[in-house]
Amino acid sequence: MTFIDIEQLLQDSTGLDSESIGSTTVKRVVRIRMESVGICDAAAYVAELKNNPKELQELIDEVTVPETWFFRDNEPFRYFSEYVRRYFVPPENGRLLRVLSVPCATGEEPYSIAMLLKEMGFTHQTARIDAVDISTRALGRARKALYGANSFRGDERHYRDLYFDKSEDGYRLHDEVRRLVQFRHANLLDDGFLPGSGLYDVIFCRNVLIYFSRELQEKTMIKLHRLLTTNGILFVGHAEGGRMLTDLYQSLRKSGTFAFCKQGSTLGGSKVEALDQSAKTAVVKPRPNAKPLATTPPVTPSKHQDRPAARVSRIRDMPLAATSAVETAANPITQLHQARMLADQGKLSEAATLCESYLGKNGVSADAYYLMGLIRQAQDQQDAAAEMYRKAVYLNPNHYEALIHLAAHAEAKGDRVAAASYRNRATRASGLESAS
């Protein structure tokens, strides 16, 4: 029971569901921390975590390893710029634009926002970005504002030339940009999260809800609703848009952004209502040579013809396209093949264990999460399956099969709007939108 106790402590402290990153990964991190503090007995380490907040924070820092870069998923930043230019430019000294970035990880997201605001003429007197994270280690790196080349991966590398100074240690951000950001250590799960902070015009809360249980997701959405201005915008991640509380939020239906406003906001209006209505009646046309998917698909995924522009991830017919550099090592493809064969033979528990081991050793993989979803679905664990499909879509937003499964899951839950949204995304992923 001791490891279960540790998992529960982590979930109570951070909201992290260990299945979302794999129990194997959590166990590995726990062993590292036990060796660091010289504790060999798991029960003794549980007691240490309960009695030593510093060690619990160290464990949290190890588990919540951030993976981010400047202007990650660029479309939300484009829409953010459009919104700010329309409602807040030119900046006024009597009106402070307030932005929240949570979790902010090592600072790339809030600093990306700050650079955009700097270009639009904002200073620390006319705009403020509150950047919040539970990891003290990540916050320490963020405050240093010193980054390596891996933090610059997109097409916005010209910002590196404009706002960073090159040194032997890396790229250091200019102070005039850093002054726009205030870093804070806080826990998003706390009932008194950011007490007295006031309201925010824009909130970035991307790629964290996916690691929470449904109950914690709803509590977090209610909390963010409280912090958002009437006509403010909330940005969430690719795999999180379908989980929004529709009685609190409405989608702004901006392609690629997953942006939401409050119900009743003037940002929505008739355009959003019309798009919502069209989404309810949208139908995905089948791909060429594709077998139709049932409402509850079997373990064996349907074969879909790859579109030329971008191959769709599949489990059968390996080899797989690797989704991270780590996956190229130690023959990981064979491991997924074996898991797939076990699933096809009906040995679902063994297949799930192998998939979890794969994720723990080789890092994240859209294909592995997709296979896990198929296994959980065959085990009649529909909600757990949906979580796996969402992770696959987070890693590969154009994962056609995972999107279709998510649409079927939403339909089974009676959420027609979410189902239509997933089907529309599947249509775009299939490359057939022009024929619809």
Protein backbone atom coordinates (compact mmCIF):
# COMPACT_ATOMS: atom_id res chain seq x y z
CA MET A 1 0.00 0.00 0.00
CA THR A 2 2.98 2.36 0.44
CA PHE A 3 3.38 3.29 -3.21
CA ILE A 4 -0.37 3.83 -3.50
CA ASP A 5 -0.03 6.19 -0.54
CA ILE A 6 2.69 8.14 -2.39
CA GLU A 7 0.53 8.36 -5.53
CA GLN A 8 -2.34 9.63 -3.40
CA LEU A 9 -0.11 12.24 -1.77
CA LEU A 10 0.93 13.48 -5.20
CA GLN A 11 -2.66 13.60 -6.41
CA ASP A 12 -3.80 15.46 -3.30
CA SER A 13 -0.92 17.92 -3.64
CA THR A 14 -0.82 18.49 -7.39
CA GLY A 15 -3.92 16.89 -8.91
CA LEU A 16 -1.63 14.57 -10.87
CA ASP A 17 -3.23 11.27 -11.77
CA SER A 18 -0.28 8.87 -11.90
CA GLU A 19 -1.89 7.00 -14.80
CA SER A 20 -1.60 10.15 -16.90
CA ILE A 21 2.19 9.86 -16.96
CA GLY A 22 2.46 6.18 -16.05
CA SER A 23 2.97 4.59 -12.65
CA THR A 24 6.35 3.33 -13.83
CA THR A 25 7.52 6.92 -14.28
CA VAL A 26 6.32 7.88 -10.80
CA LYS A 27 8.01 4.84 -9.25
CA ARG A 28 11.30 5.71 -10.94
CA VAL A 29 11.18 9.27 -9.60
CA VAL A 30 10.30 8.03 -6.11
CA ARG A 31 13.31 5.70 -6.14
CA ILE A 32 15.55 8.61 -7.17
CA ARG A 33 14.30 10.75 -4.30
CA MET A 34 14.60 7.89 -1.78
CA GLU A 35 18.24 7.41 -2.76
CA SER A 36 18.83 11.18 -2.49
CA VAL A 37 17.62 11.33 1.12
CA GLY A 38 19.11 7.96 2.11
CA ILE A 39 15.83 6.17 2.80
CA CYS A 40 15.50 2.53 1.73
CA ASP A 41 12.10 1.69 3.17
CA ALA A 42 9.05 2.90 1.26
CA ALA A 43 6.94 3.25 4.41
CA ALA A 44 9.61 5.45 5.96
CA TYR A 45 9.62 7.61 2.84
CA VAL A 46 5.84 8.04 3.05
CA ALA A 47 6.30 9.28 6.61
CA GLU A 48 9.05 11.64 5.42
CA LEU A 49 6.75 13.10 2.77
CA LYS A 50 3.98 13.68 5.31
CA ASN A 51 6.27 15.32 7.85
CA ASN A 52 8.69 17.21 5.59
CA PRO A 53 7.08 19.73 3.19
CA LYS A 54 10.49 20.40 1.64
CA GLU A 55 10.90 16.77 0.55
CA LEU A 56 7.34 16.68 -0.80
CA GLN A 57 8.21 19.77 -2.85
CA GLU A 58 11.37 18.05 -4.13
CA LEU A 59 9.29 15.07 -5.26
CA ILE A 60 6.79 17.39 -6.93
CA ASP A 61 9.63 19.15 -8.73
CA GLU A 62 10.94 15.82 -10.02
CA VAL A 63 7.54 14.59 -11.22
CA THR A 64 6.35 17.82 -12.84
CA VAL A 65 9.14 18.06 -15.39
CA PRO A 66 8.16 20.88 -17.78
CA GLU A 67 8.43 20.49 -21.53
CA THR A 68 7.94 23.82 -23.22
CA TRP A 69 9.48 26.36 -25.58
CA PHE A 70 8.87 29.90 -26.77
CA PHE A 71 5.65 30.44 -28.74
CA ARG A 72 4.64 26.80 -28.39
CA ASP A 73 1.56 26.19 -30.59
CA ASN A 74 1.71 29.59 -32.21
CA GLU A 75 -1.99 30.16 -33.04
CA PRO A 76 -3.07 31.07 -29.48
CA PHE A 77 -0.42 33.78 -29.43
CA ARG A 78 -1.68 35.14 -32.75
CA TYR A 79 -5.23 35.33 -31.43
CA PHE A 80 -4.01 36.85 -28.18
CA SER A 81 -2.32 39.60 -30.20
CA GLU A 82 -5.52 40.23 -32.19
CA TYR A 83 -7.55 40.47 -29.00
CA VAL A 84 -5.12 42.87 -27.31
CA ARG A 85 -4.80 45.10 -30.39
CA ARG A 86 -8.57 45.35 -30.67
CA TYR A 87 -9.41 46.12 -27.04
CA PHE A 88 -6.27 47.45 -25.32
CA VAL A 89 -4.14 49.27 -27.88
CA PRO A 90 -2.94 51.95 -27.46
CA PRO A 91 -1.90 51.18 -23.88
CA GLU A 92 -3.25 53.58 -21.28
CA ASN A 93 -1.61 54.36 -17.96
CA GLY A 94 -4.98 54.24 -16.21
CA ARG A 95 -5.82 50.76 -17.51
CA LEU A 96 -3.66 47.78 -16.59
CA LEU A 97 -3.86 44.78 -18.92
CA ARG A 98 -3.66 41.68 -16.72
CA VAL A 99 -2.63 38.22 -17.93
CA LEU A 100 -2.30 34.95 -16.00
CA SER A 101 -0.05 32.09 -17.12
CA VAL A 102 -0.62 28.90 -15.09
CA PRO A 103 1.28 26.67 -14.96
CA CYS A 104 4.14 28.78 -16.27
CA ALA A 105 6.83 26.06 -16.06
CA THR A 106 10.28 27.53 -16.80
CA GLY A 107 8.89 30.80 -18.13
CA GLU A 108 8.81 30.40 -21.90
CA GLU A 109 5.05 30.99 -22.16
CA PRO A 110 4.77 34.16 -20.02
CA TYR A 111 7.90 35.60 -21.61
CA SER A 112 6.46 34.92 -25.07
CA ILE A 113 3.40 36.91 -24.02
CA ALA A 114 5.63 39.66 -22.66
CA MET A 115 7.54 39.97 -25.93
CA LEU A 116 4.28 40.35 -27.86
CA LEU A 117 3.10 43.03 -25.46
CA LYS A 118 6.44 44.81 -25.66
CA GLU A 119 6.07 44.98 -29.46
CA MET A 120 2.63 46.57 -29.02
CA GLY A 121 4.02 49.32 -26.80
CA PHE A 122 3.21 47.93 -23.35
CA THR A 123 5.48 48.39 -20.36
CA HIS A 124 5.35 47.07 -16.79
CA GLN A 125 3.22 50.14 -16.00
CA THR A 126 0.48 49.27 -18.51
CA ALA A 127 0.57 45.45 -18.46
CA ARG A 128 1.28 42.75 -15.91
CA ILE A 129 1.70 39.01 -16.40
CA ASP A 130 1.30 36.83 -13.32
CA ALA A 131 3.20 33.58 -13.95
CA VAL A 132 2.34 30.82 -11.49
CA ASP A 133 3.66 27.31 -10.97
CA ILE A 134 3.76 24.63 -8.27
CA SER A 135 7.39 23.76 -9.00
CA THR A 136 9.91 25.90 -7.15
CA ARG A 137 12.66 24.48 -9.35
CA ALA A 138 10.91 25.56 -12.54
CA LEU A 139 10.25 29.01 -11.08
CA GLY A 140 13.92 29.37 -10.18
CA ARG A 141 14.90 28.73 -13.79
CA ALA A 142 12.20 31.10 -15.04
CA ARG A 143 13.41 33.96 -12.87
CA LYS A 144 16.94 33.57 -14.26
CA ALA A 145 15.54 34.04 -17.79
CA LEU A 146 18.50 32.17 -19.26
CA TYR A 147 17.68 29.68 -22.02
CA GLY A 148 19.38 27.21 -24.31
CA ALA A 149 18.81 26.67 -28.01
CA ASN A 150 16.15 24.01 -27.33
CA SER A 151 13.77 26.71 -26.08
CA PHE A 152 13.67 28.25 -29.56
CA ARG A 153 12.00 25.75 -31.88
CA GLY A 154 9.44 27.58 -34.00
CA ASP A 155 9.35 30.25 -36.66
CA GLU A 156 9.63 33.08 -34.10
CA ARG A 157 13.37 32.84 -33.63
CA HIS A 158 13.70 36.48 -34.67
CA TYR A 159 12.50 37.30 -31.14
CA ARG A 160 15.71 35.72 -29.92
CA ASP A 161 17.69 38.29 -31.90
CA LEU A 162 15.52 41.16 -30.70
CA TYR A 163 15.12 40.44 -27.00
CA PHE A 164 17.98 38.16 -25.92
CA ASP A 165 21.69 38.62 -25.39
CA LYS A 166 23.92 35.70 -26.32
CA SER A 167 26.37 34.54 -23.66
CA GLU A 168 28.49 31.49 -22.98
CA ASP A 169 25.69 30.09 -20.82
CA GLY A 170 22.90 30.61 -23.36
CA TYR A 171 20.46 33.38 -24.23
CA ARG A 172 19.51 35.89 -21.53
CA LEU A 173 16.25 37.83 -21.85
CA HIS A 174 16.33 41.64 -21.71
CA ASP A 175 15.29 43.23 -18.43
CA GLU A 176 12.68 45.43 -20.13
CA VAL A 177 10.76 42.27 -21.07
CA ARG A 178 11.36 40.51 -17.75
CA ARG A 179 9.81 43.42 -15.85
CA LEU A 180 6.42 42.61 -17.41
CA VAL A 181 6.31 39.24 -15.64
CA GLN A 182 5.81 38.54 -11.94
CA PHE A 183 6.49 34.93 -10.89
CA ARG A 184 4.59 33.35 -8.01
CA HIS A 185 4.67 29.96 -6.32
CA ALA A 186 1.12 28.70 -5.88
CA ASN A 187 -0.98 25.57 -6.22
CA LEU A 188 -3.84 25.68 -8.70
CA LEU A 189 -5.74 23.17 -6.55
CA ASP A 190 -5.78 25.32 -3.42
CA ASP A 191 -9.23 26.62 -2.53
CA GLY A 192 -7.70 30.05 -1.93
CA PHE A 193 -5.72 30.09 -5.17
CA LEU A 194 -4.36 33.64 -5.78
CA PRO A 195 -6.32 35.38 -3.03
CA GLY A 196 -6.90 39.07 -3.68
CA SER A 197 -5.32 38.89 -7.11
CA GLY A 198 -8.25 40.54 -8.88
CA LEU A 199 -9.50 39.61 -12.35
CA TYR A 200 -7.54 38.77 -15.47
CA ASP A 201 -8.26 39.84 -19.03
CA VAL A 202 -6.51 36.77 -20.44
CA ILE A 203 -5.69 33.42 -18.85
CA PHE A 204 -3.37 30.84 -20.38
CA CYS A 205 -3.98 27.48 -18.70
CA ARG A 206 -2.72 24.98 -21.25
CA ASN A 207 -1.82 21.32 -20.98
CA VAL A 208 -2.45 20.81 -17.28
CA LEU A 209 -6.14 19.84 -17.13
CA ILE A 210 -5.34 16.70 -19.09
CA TYR A 211 -3.44 15.35 -16.06
CA PHE A 212 -6.37 15.94 -13.66
CA SER A 213 -9.34 13.76 -12.85
CA ARG A 214 -12.68 14.95 -14.20
CA GLU A 215 -13.66 16.23 -10.76
CA LEU A 216 -10.50 18.32 -10.46
CA GLN A 217 -10.91 19.57 -14.03
CA GLU A 218 -14.34 20.93 -13.18
CA LYS A 219 -13.14 22.55 -9.97
CA THR A 220 -10.28 24.19 -11.85
CA MET A 221 -12.58 25.51 -14.57
CA ILE A 222 -14.84 27.03 -11.92
CA LYS A 223 -11.82 28.61 -10.26
CA LEU A 224 -10.57 30.11 -13.53
CA HIS A 225 -14.07 31.36 -14.32
CA ARG A 226 -13.95 33.31 -11.07
CA LEU A 227 -10.62 34.89 -12.05
CA LEU A 228 -11.62 35.85 -15.62
CA THR A 229 -13.13 39.23 -16.53
CA THR A 230 -16.56 39.26 -18.17
CA ASN A 231 -15.10 39.75 -21.64
CA GLY A 232 -11.82 37.96 -21.02
CA ILE A 233 -10.34 34.97 -22.85
CA LEU A 234 -9.24 31.59 -21.49
CA PHE A 235 -6.78 29.54 -23.55
CA VAL A 236 -6.53 25.78 -22.96
CA GLY A 237 -4.58 23.00 -24.68
CA HIS A 238 -5.42 20.99 -27.79
CA ALA A 239 -6.68 17.99 -25.84
CA GLU A 240 -8.65 20.00 -23.28
CA GLY A 241 -11.21 21.94 -25.34
CA GLY A 242 -13.71 19.11 -25.30
CA ARG A 243 -13.79 19.02 -21.48
CA MET A 244 -14.93 22.59 -20.89
CA LEU A 245 -18.04 23.23 -18.79
CA THR A 246 -20.53 24.50 -21.37
CA ASP A 247 -22.71 26.16 -18.75
CA LEU A 248 -19.76 28.42 -17.87
CA TYR A 249 -17.84 28.82 -21.14
CA GLN A 250 -18.46 29.13 -24.85
CA SER A 251 -15.88 28.52 -27.54
CA LEU A 252 -14.68 31.44 -29.60
CA ARG A 253 -14.27 29.01 -32.52
CA LYS A 254 -10.94 30.41 -33.63
CA SER A 255 -9.13 27.72 -35.59
CA GLY A 256 -6.18 26.20 -33.76
CA THR A 257 -6.54 28.29 -30.59
CA PHE A 258 -8.94 26.48 -28.22
CA ALA A 259 -9.98 29.84 -26.80
CA PHE A 260 -13.05 30.32 -24.61
CA CYS A 261 -14.99 33.19 -23.10
CA LYS A 262 -17.63 33.27 -20.41
CA GLN A 263 -21.21 32.45 -21.31
CA GLY A 264 -22.94 35.78 -21.93
CA SER A 265 -19.73 37.54 -22.92
CA THR A 266 -20.02 40.07 -25.73
CA LEU A 267 -17.01 38.36 -27.31
CA GLY A 268 -19.29 35.47 -28.30
CA GLY A 269 -22.42 36.80 -29.95
CA SER A 270 -24.34 35.46 -32.91
CA LYS A 271 -21.24 34.37 -34.82
CA VAL A 272 -20.32 31.89 -32.13
CA GLU A 273 -23.90 30.68 -31.82
CA ALA A 274 -24.10 30.07 -35.56
CA LEU A 275 -20.83 28.17 -35.55
CA ASP A 276 -21.96 26.11 -32.57
CA GLN A 277 -25.16 25.22 -34.39
CA SER A 278 -23.30 24.22 -37.54
CA ALA A 279 -20.95 22.08 -35.49
CA LYS A 280 -23.88 20.12 -34.06
CA THR A 281 -24.95 19.01 -37.50
CA ALA A 282 -21.47 18.45 -38.93
CA VAL A 283 -20.79 15.00 -40.37
CA VAL A 284 -17.38 13.51 -41.02
CA LYS A 285 -17.11 11.89 -44.41
CA PRO A 286 -15.28 8.56 -44.31
CA ARG A 287 -11.78 8.41 -45.67
CA PRO A 288 -11.14 6.49 -48.86
CA ASN A 289 -10.87 2.74 -48.17
CA ALA A 290 -11.69 3.27 -44.49
CA LYS A 291 -13.89 0.91 -42.50
CA PRO A 292 -16.70 2.71 -40.64
CA LEU A 293 -16.10 3.01 -36.91
CA ALA A 294 -18.73 1.74 -34.50
CA THR A 295 -19.89 3.83 -31.57
CA THR A 296 -17.75 1.60 -29.36
CA PRO A 297 -14.83 0.61 -31.60
CA PRO A 298 -13.11 -2.73 -31.10
CA VAL A 299 -9.52 -3.08 -29.93
CA THR A 300 -8.30 -3.40 -33.50
CA PRO A 301 -8.29 0.14 -34.95
CA SER A 302 -9.61 0.71 -38.43
CA LYS A 303 -7.07 1.20 -41.21
CA HIS A 304 -7.21 4.60 -42.83
CA GLN A 305 -5.40 5.67 -45.93
CA ASP A 306 -2.61 8.08 -45.12
CA ARG A 307 -3.01 11.52 -46.59
CA PRO A 308 0.09 12.73 -48.44
CA ALA A 309 0.68 15.91 -46.45
CA ALA A 310 0.94 14.30 -43.02
CA ARG A 311 0.79 10.65 -42.07
CA VAL A 312 -1.80 9.71 -39.49
CA SER A 313 -0.47 7.69 -36.58
CA ARG A 314 -1.43 4.02 -36.59
CA ILE A 315 -0.70 1.12 -34.28
CA ARG A 316 -0.96 -1.70 -36.81
CA ASP A 317 1.41 -1.83 -39.76
CA MET A 318 4.52 -0.72 -37.94
CA PRO A 319 7.07 0.86 -38.08
CA LEU A 320 5.73 3.89 -36.29
CA ALA A 321 6.85 7.46 -36.75
CA ALA A 322 8.69 8.35 -33.56
CA THR A 323 7.12 11.18 -31.60
CA SER A 324 10.17 12.07 -29.57
CA ALA A 325 13.92 11.73 -29.87
CA VAL A 326 13.96 9.35 -26.93
CA GLU A 327 11.86 6.84 -28.84
CA THR A 328 14.66 6.14 -31.30
CA ALA A 329 16.66 4.31 -28.65
CA ALA A 330 16.57 0.74 -27.29
CA ASN A 331 14.26 -0.73 -29.93
CA PRO A 332 11.01 0.79 -28.58
CA ILE A 333 9.00 -0.11 -31.70
CA THR A 334 9.37 -3.84 -30.92
CA GLN A 335 7.94 -3.20 -27.47
CA LEU A 336 4.84 -1.53 -28.89
CA HIS A 337 4.50 -4.33 -31.43
CA GLN A 338 4.50 -6.83 -28.59
CA ALA A 339 1.90 -4.84 -26.67
CA ARG A 340 -0.27 -4.72 -29.77
CA MET A 341 0.03 -8.48 -30.28
CA LEU A 342 -0.95 -9.13 -26.67
CA ALA A 343 -4.00 -6.87 -27.07
CA ASP A 344 -5.03 -8.69 -30.24
CA GLN A 345 -4.78 -11.98 -28.32
CA GLY A 346 -7.09 -10.64 -25.62
CA LYS A 347 -4.31 -10.37 -23.03
CA LEU A 348 -5.31 -6.84 -22.15
CA SER A 349 -3.71 -6.56 -18.69
CA GLU A 350 -0.36 -7.72 -20.03
CA ALA A 351 -0.64 -5.33 -22.97
CA ALA A 352 -1.46 -2.41 -20.67
CA THR A 353 1.50 -3.21 -18.42
CA LEU A 354 3.83 -3.29 -21.41
CA CYS A 355 2.49 0.02 -22.73
CA GLU A 356 2.96 1.64 -19.33
CA SER A 357 6.50 0.31 -19.15
CA TYR A 358 7.17 1.67 -22.62
CA LEU A 359 5.95 5.16 -21.67
CA GLY A 360 8.00 5.11 -18.48
CA LYS A 361 11.22 4.18 -20.30
CA ASN A 362 10.87 5.97 -23.62
CA GLY A 363 8.92 9.14 -22.91
CA VAL A 364 5.59 10.25 -24.35
CA SER A 365 4.17 8.80 -27.55
CA ALA A 366 0.87 9.47 -29.30
CA ASP A 367 0.80 5.91 -30.63
CA ALA A 368 1.38 4.37 -27.20
CA TYR A 369 -1.38 6.49 -25.64
CA TYR A 370 -3.70 5.58 -28.50
CA LEU A 371 -3.06 1.87 -27.96
CA MET A 372 -3.63 2.34 -24.24
CA GLY A 373 -6.97 3.93 -25.10
CA LEU A 374 -7.97 0.93 -27.20
CA ILE A 375 -7.01 -1.41 -24.39
CA ARG A 376 -8.93 0.56 -21.75
CA GLN A 377 -11.94 0.68 -24.03
CA ALA A 378 -11.84 -3.10 -24.49
CA GLN A 379 -11.71 -3.39 -20.70
CA ASP A 380 -14.91 -1.31 -20.58
CA GLN A 381 -13.08 1.58 -18.90
CA GLN A 382 -14.57 4.22 -21.16
CA ASP A 383 -13.51 7.34 -19.23
CA ALA A 384 -9.96 6.02 -18.81
CA ALA A 385 -9.87 5.27 -22.54
CA ALA A 386 -10.96 8.82 -23.34
CA GLU A 387 -8.14 10.22 -21.20
CA MET A 388 -5.63 8.17 -23.20
CA TYR A 389 -7.11 9.40 -26.50
CA ARG A 390 -6.86 13.00 -25.28
CA LYS A 391 -3.19 12.52 -24.51
CA ALA A 392 -2.66 11.10 -28.00
CA VAL A 393 -4.38 14.15 -29.48
CA TYR A 394 -2.33 16.49 -27.30
CA LEU A 395 0.87 14.98 -28.71
CA ASN A 396 -0.52 14.72 -32.25
CA PRO A 397 -3.45 17.15 -32.79
CA ASN A 398 -4.14 15.53 -36.19
CA HIS A 399 -4.52 11.99 -34.84
CA TYR A 400 -7.61 11.05 -36.83
CA GLU A 401 -8.44 7.77 -35.08
CA ALA A 402 -8.11 9.24 -31.57
CA LEU A 403 -10.34 12.17 -32.55
CA ILE A 404 -13.02 9.81 -33.87
CA HIS A 405 -12.92 7.76 -30.67
CA LEU A 406 -13.25 10.96 -28.62
CA ALA A 407 -16.26 11.98 -30.72
CA ALA A 408 -17.89 8.60 -30.05
CA HIS A 409 -17.16 8.93 -26.33
CA ALA A 410 -18.69 12.41 -26.21
CA GLU A 411 -21.78 11.18 -28.03
CA ALA A 412 -22.17 8.34 -25.54
CA LYS A 413 -22.02 10.94 -22.76
CA GLY A 414 -24.68 13.05 -24.46
CA ASP A 415 -22.29 15.95 -25.13
CA ARG A 416 -23.24 16.69 -28.73
CA VAL A 417 -21.27 19.93 -28.94
CA ALA A 418 -18.01 18.24 -27.90
CA ALA A 419 -18.73 15.33 -30.22
CA ALA A 420 -19.28 17.68 -33.16
CA SER A 421 -16.10 19.57 -32.31
CA TYR A 422 -14.05 16.37 -32.33
CA ARG A 423 -15.63 15.27 -35.61
CA ASN A 424 -14.89 18.63 -37.21
CA ARG A 425 -11.28 18.33 -36.10
CA ALA A 426 -11.15 14.81 -37.52
CA THR A 427 -12.47 16.17 -40.80
CA ARG A 428 -9.71 18.76 -40.92
CA ALA A 429 -7.14 16.12 -39.97
CA SER A 430 -8.31 13.85 -42.76
CA GLY A 431 -7.81 16.59 -45.34
CA LEU A 432 -11.35 16.20 -46.67
CA GLU A 433 -12.83 19.47 -45.44
CA SER A 434 -12.78 20.91 -48.96
CA ALA A 435 -15.01 18.07 -50.14
CA SER A 436 -17.54 18.33 -47.33
